[in-house]
Structures are given as structure tokens and as C-alpha cells.
Amino acid sequence: MRRWTTALAAVMLAAGVAATTVPTASAVTATTDCSTAWGSLDRQDRTVPYQPQALTNVRTGAHECFDRLVIDVPGTSPENPLAYRVHYMNANVVYQAGSGTPIPVSGGAVLEIVVGASTYDPATWQKVYPARSGDPLPGVDLTGHRTFVDARFAGSLEGESQFGLGVRARLPFQVFQLDNRLVIDVAHSWSTTA
């Protein structure tokens, strides 16, 4: 290894490149631990009593170990939770609640997400989230995401809203609530490194 490092330094010096440091093998192989215990089984909290809620936005983020979908629902929190159901579909389609209309979603697998919030303000019946059934989610750009492939709105009916999230494959995911939002993380892989 020492002879290789010395030879590399000589080549760099001859090329006019300052040979200050040469990375070691351990520096080159450093990785991020992305281990999870999430799994890919259904997640739900349907025990929450019905409360009229309005969802105001859906956004995404690309992280080192996972991609994240955030559904903003003001007034919710871990103490005042939002009802939800998240599960993988058996096909690349989500069936719209009420009509049964198939909404195609691209990807190797599709997560159906149903939340206990409407796209309308329950007090005024004014639309607060400008999504249209079957269309991509407004304002969501999946460029740079390693796991997310497609994100579609499937509809809002009787106080619930439905989404189809296309991912590369059936990967582990987690769901949790923070103040004013529901968070869904889908891992980039089943392995433990990024």
C-alpha cells in the first residue's frame, strides 16, 4: 500500500497536482447506516373518532436512506391524531372510493394512502387543496428521488382523501404523525447501507 501511495504521489507531482493527502481505504468505504425495522405490512390508525379535517398540502423530500411524503393537516398531532391507512396494492392501480374508477400509478409497487381529511374546508366547503382525481399531485416534483416514481390523487369522499404513491419496488416503510402532518417514509432498499 505504501509503494502505491508513493507512486500515486509521484504521478500527481509530475502532473502539477499538489499531493497533500491520499484517501485511505477506510475513508473510501465509509457508508451510512440505513438499517430499519419498518417492514412492508399495512399500517393504519382507524380508531380515531371522526373529526372534520382539511388537508392543505402534500409534499415530498429525498433523504439519504429514504424518500418522504408529508401530508399537511392543520390541527392534528400525536395527541389529536389523524385517521389513516397505508398499504401496498396488488397491482399498479388505486381504485377510487365510491366510483371504483381505476387510477393507474407508475412504479414497481404502489402504496395506497387514505387519510381522514378532505380537500375541502369543512366549515366553508371551499376547496383548499387543488388536486384532481387521476392527476399527479400538484406541486410535487419527484426529480432526484431514488424510491418515489409517481404520486397521484385518487379523490376525496366523505371526509377522506385517497392517494396512490408509486415506488421502485415493494420496500419497507413507516408512518408517523407530527404536529399538523402525517409522514410516510419509504426506504431506498432492504439493505442497511446507503
Protein backbone atom coordinates (compact mmCIF):
# COMPACT_ATOMS: atom_id res chain seq x y z
CA MET A 1 0.00 0.00 0.00
CA ARG A 2 2.86 2.37 0.86
CA ARG A 3 4.52 1.77 -2.53
CA TRP A 4 1.17 2.51 -4.30
CA THR A 5 0.67 5.72 -2.31
CA THR A 6 4.24 6.86 -3.09
CA ALA A 7 3.78 6.09 -6.81
CA LEU A 8 0.46 7.98 -6.90
CA ALA A 9 2.05 10.99 -5.20
CA ALA A 10 4.89 10.96 -7.78
CA VAL A 11 2.41 10.88 -10.68
CA MET A 12 0.38 13.72 -9.14
CA LEU A 13 3.51 15.80 -8.59
CA ALA A 14 4.65 15.23 -12.20
CA ALA A 15 1.21 16.36 -13.39
CA GLY A 16 1.43 19.52 -11.34
CA VAL A 17 -1.18 18.43 -8.78
CA ALA A 18 -0.36 19.07 -5.14
CA ALA A 19 -0.06 15.74 -3.38
CA THR A 20 -1.26 16.71 0.07
CA THR A 21 -3.30 13.65 1.08
CA VAL A 22 -4.38 10.43 -0.48
CA PRO A 23 -7.63 8.93 0.85
CA THR A 24 -7.23 5.70 2.76
CA ALA A 25 -9.23 2.58 2.01
CA SER A 26 -11.33 3.11 5.15
CA ALA A 27 -12.29 6.65 4.05
CA VAL A 28 -13.36 5.42 0.63
CA THR A 29 -15.59 2.66 2.00
CA ALA A 30 -17.40 4.79 4.64
CA THR A 31 -21.17 4.29 4.37
CA THR A 32 -24.30 5.46 6.12
CA ASP A 33 -26.22 3.02 8.28
CA CYS A 34 -29.75 2.88 6.87
CA SER A 35 -30.99 -0.07 8.88
CA THR A 36 -34.72 -0.10 9.60
CA ALA A 37 -37.19 -2.44 11.19
CA TRP A 38 -40.07 -0.96 9.22
CA GLY A 39 -41.25 -3.86 7.03
CA SER A 40 -43.86 -3.61 4.28
CA LEU A 41 -47.07 -4.67 6.04
CA ASP A 42 -50.19 -2.48 6.30
CA ARG A 43 -50.15 0.48 8.69
CA GLN A 44 -53.32 2.08 9.97
CA ASP A 45 -54.96 4.05 12.72
CA ARG A 46 -58.68 3.81 12.07
CA THR A 47 -59.74 4.08 15.73
CA VAL A 48 -59.64 7.88 15.69
CA PRO A 49 -63.14 9.37 16.11
CA TYR A 50 -64.29 11.25 13.02
CA GLN A 51 -63.46 14.95 13.12
CA PRO A 52 -63.90 17.14 10.05
CA GLN A 53 -60.36 17.97 8.86
CA ALA A 54 -58.97 19.70 5.78
CA LEU A 55 -55.67 18.72 4.19
CA THR A 56 -53.86 21.75 2.84
CA ASN A 57 -50.79 20.37 1.08
CA VAL A 58 -48.80 17.27 0.11
CA ARG A 59 -45.02 17.49 -0.31
CA THR A 60 -42.03 15.19 -0.65
CA GLY A 61 -38.38 15.10 0.32
CA ALA A 62 -35.42 12.97 -0.77
CA HIS A 63 -33.21 11.75 2.08
CA GLU A 64 -30.06 9.62 2.14
CA CYS A 65 -31.82 6.43 3.28
CA PHE A 66 -35.46 7.03 2.29
CA ASP A 67 -37.91 9.23 0.40
CA ARG A 68 -40.54 11.08 2.45
CA LEU A 69 -44.15 12.06 1.71
CA VAL A 70 -45.74 14.61 4.05
CA ILE A 71 -49.49 15.30 4.18
CA ASP A 72 -50.23 18.61 5.91
CA VAL A 73 -53.42 18.60 8.00
CA PRO A 74 -53.55 21.61 10.38
CA GLY A 75 -54.89 20.89 13.85
CA THR A 76 -53.67 17.29 14.03
CA SER A 77 -50.90 15.99 16.29
CA PRO A 78 -49.84 12.78 18.03
CA GLU A 79 -52.29 13.76 20.81
CA ASN A 80 -55.04 14.67 18.29
CA PRO A 81 -54.26 12.10 15.58
CA LEU A 82 -55.42 11.79 12.03
CA ALA A 83 -57.06 8.53 10.92
CA TYR A 84 -55.08 6.83 8.14
CA ARG A 85 -54.49 3.59 6.25
CA VAL A 86 -51.35 2.88 4.17
CA HIS A 87 -50.82 -0.41 2.34
CA TYR A 88 -49.37 -1.93 -0.81
CA MET A 89 -51.79 -2.70 -3.66
CA ASN A 90 -51.65 -5.96 -5.62
CA ALA A 91 -51.50 -4.08 -8.93
CA ASN A 92 -50.32 -0.74 -10.31
CA VAL A 93 -53.68 0.86 -9.73
CA VAL A 94 -55.67 2.51 -6.95
CA TYR A 95 -59.46 2.20 -7.09
CA GLN A 96 -61.24 5.46 -6.39
CA ALA A 97 -63.52 5.28 -3.36
CA GLY A 98 -67.20 5.47 -4.24
CA SER A 99 -66.95 5.01 -8.02
CA GLY A 100 -64.36 2.21 -8.18
CA THR A 101 -62.67 4.01 -11.08
CA PRO A 102 -59.14 2.63 -11.56
CA ILE A 103 -56.37 5.24 -11.24
CA PRO A 104 -53.15 3.90 -12.84
CA VAL A 105 -49.95 4.62 -10.89
CA SER A 106 -46.44 4.05 -12.29
CA GLY A 107 -43.75 2.13 -10.41
CA GLY A 108 -42.69 -1.36 -9.39
CA ALA A 109 -45.20 -1.24 -6.50
CA VAL A 110 -47.98 1.08 -5.36
CA LEU A 111 -48.86 2.28 -1.87
CA GLU A 112 -52.47 3.32 -1.35
CA ILE A 113 -52.74 6.10 1.23
CA VAL A 114 -56.11 7.05 2.73
CA VAL A 115 -56.32 9.84 5.31
CA GLY A 116 -59.24 11.13 7.37
CA ALA A 117 -59.15 14.61 5.87
CA SER A 118 -60.87 16.24 2.92
CA THR A 119 -59.57 18.57 0.23
CA TYR A 120 -62.40 20.93 1.26
CA ASP A 121 -62.62 23.16 4.33
CA PRO A 122 -65.40 21.54 6.41
CA ALA A 123 -66.59 24.94 7.67
CA THR A 124 -66.92 26.70 4.29
CA TRP A 125 -66.88 23.83 1.76
CA GLN A 126 -64.25 25.77 -0.18
CA LYS A 127 -61.57 23.67 -1.87
CA VAL A 128 -58.24 24.11 -0.02
CA TYR A 129 -56.11 21.52 -1.83
CA PRO A 130 -56.27 21.88 -5.64
CA ALA A 131 -55.87 18.22 -6.63
CA ARG A 132 -57.88 16.50 -9.37
CA SER A 133 -58.66 12.79 -9.40
CA GLY A 134 -56.21 10.82 -11.52
CA ASP A 135 -53.73 13.67 -11.86
CA PRO A 136 -50.22 13.93 -10.37
CA LEU A 137 -50.15 15.70 -7.01
CA PRO A 138 -49.98 19.47 -7.51
CA GLY A 139 -46.58 20.98 -6.76
CA VAL A 140 -44.91 17.59 -6.17
CA ASP A 141 -41.71 17.13 -8.19
CA LEU A 142 -40.17 13.66 -7.85
CA THR A 143 -36.93 14.59 -9.63
CA GLY A 144 -33.99 13.37 -7.56
CA HIS A 145 -35.99 10.84 -5.57
CA ARG A 146 -34.47 7.34 -5.54
CA THR A 147 -37.61 5.49 -4.42
CA PHE A 148 -40.65 7.58 -5.42
CA VAL A 149 -41.71 7.15 -9.06
CA ASP A 150 -45.26 8.57 -9.23
CA ALA A 151 -47.74 10.32 -6.90
CA ARG A 152 -51.43 10.53 -7.87
CA PHE A 153 -54.54 11.94 -6.27
CA ALA A 154 -57.40 9.44 -6.31
CA GLY A 155 -60.16 11.57 -4.80
CA SER A 156 -61.82 12.94 -1.70
CA LEU A 157 -65.08 11.45 -0.47
CA GLU A 158 -67.00 11.60 2.83
CA GLY A 159 -64.17 13.23 4.76
CA GLU A 160 -61.38 11.01 3.43
CA SER A 161 -58.75 11.62 0.76
CA GLN A 162 -57.01 8.92 -1.22
CA PHE A 163 -53.61 8.85 -2.93
CA GLY A 164 -51.54 6.41 -4.97
CA LEU A 165 -47.77 6.51 -4.37
CA GLY A 166 -45.69 4.63 -6.96
CA VAL A 167 -42.34 3.33 -5.70
CA ARG A 168 -39.49 1.37 -7.35
CA ALA A 169 -40.35 -1.89 -5.57
CA ARG A 170 -42.19 -3.23 -2.53
CA LEU A 171 -39.88 -1.59 0.01
CA PRO A 172 -40.12 -1.10 3.78
CA PHE A 173 -41.99 1.96 5.00
CA GLN A 174 -43.01 3.71 8.20
CA VAL A 175 -45.88 6.06 9.07
CA PHE A 176 -45.94 8.54 11.94
CA GLN A 177 -47.61 11.76 12.98
CA LEU A 178 -46.13 15.10 13.98
CA ASP A 179 -47.90 18.36 14.69
CA ASN A 180 -50.06 19.31 11.69
CA ARG A 181 -48.81 16.48 9.44
CA LEU A 182 -48.72 12.78 8.65
CA VAL A 183 -45.34 11.46 7.48
CA ILE A 184 -44.69 8.40 5.29
CA ASP A 185 -41.08 7.29 4.74
CA VAL A 186 -40.21 4.61 2.17
CA ALA A 187 -36.69 3.16 2.37
CA HIS A 188 -34.43 3.08 -0.69
CA SER A 189 -33.72 -0.62 -0.16
CA TRP A 190 -33.97 -3.55 2.23
CA SER A 191 -30.22 -3.34 2.90
CA THR A 192 -28.68 -1.49 5.85
CA THR A 193 -26.39 0.92 3.98
CA ALA A 194 -26.95 3.88 1.72
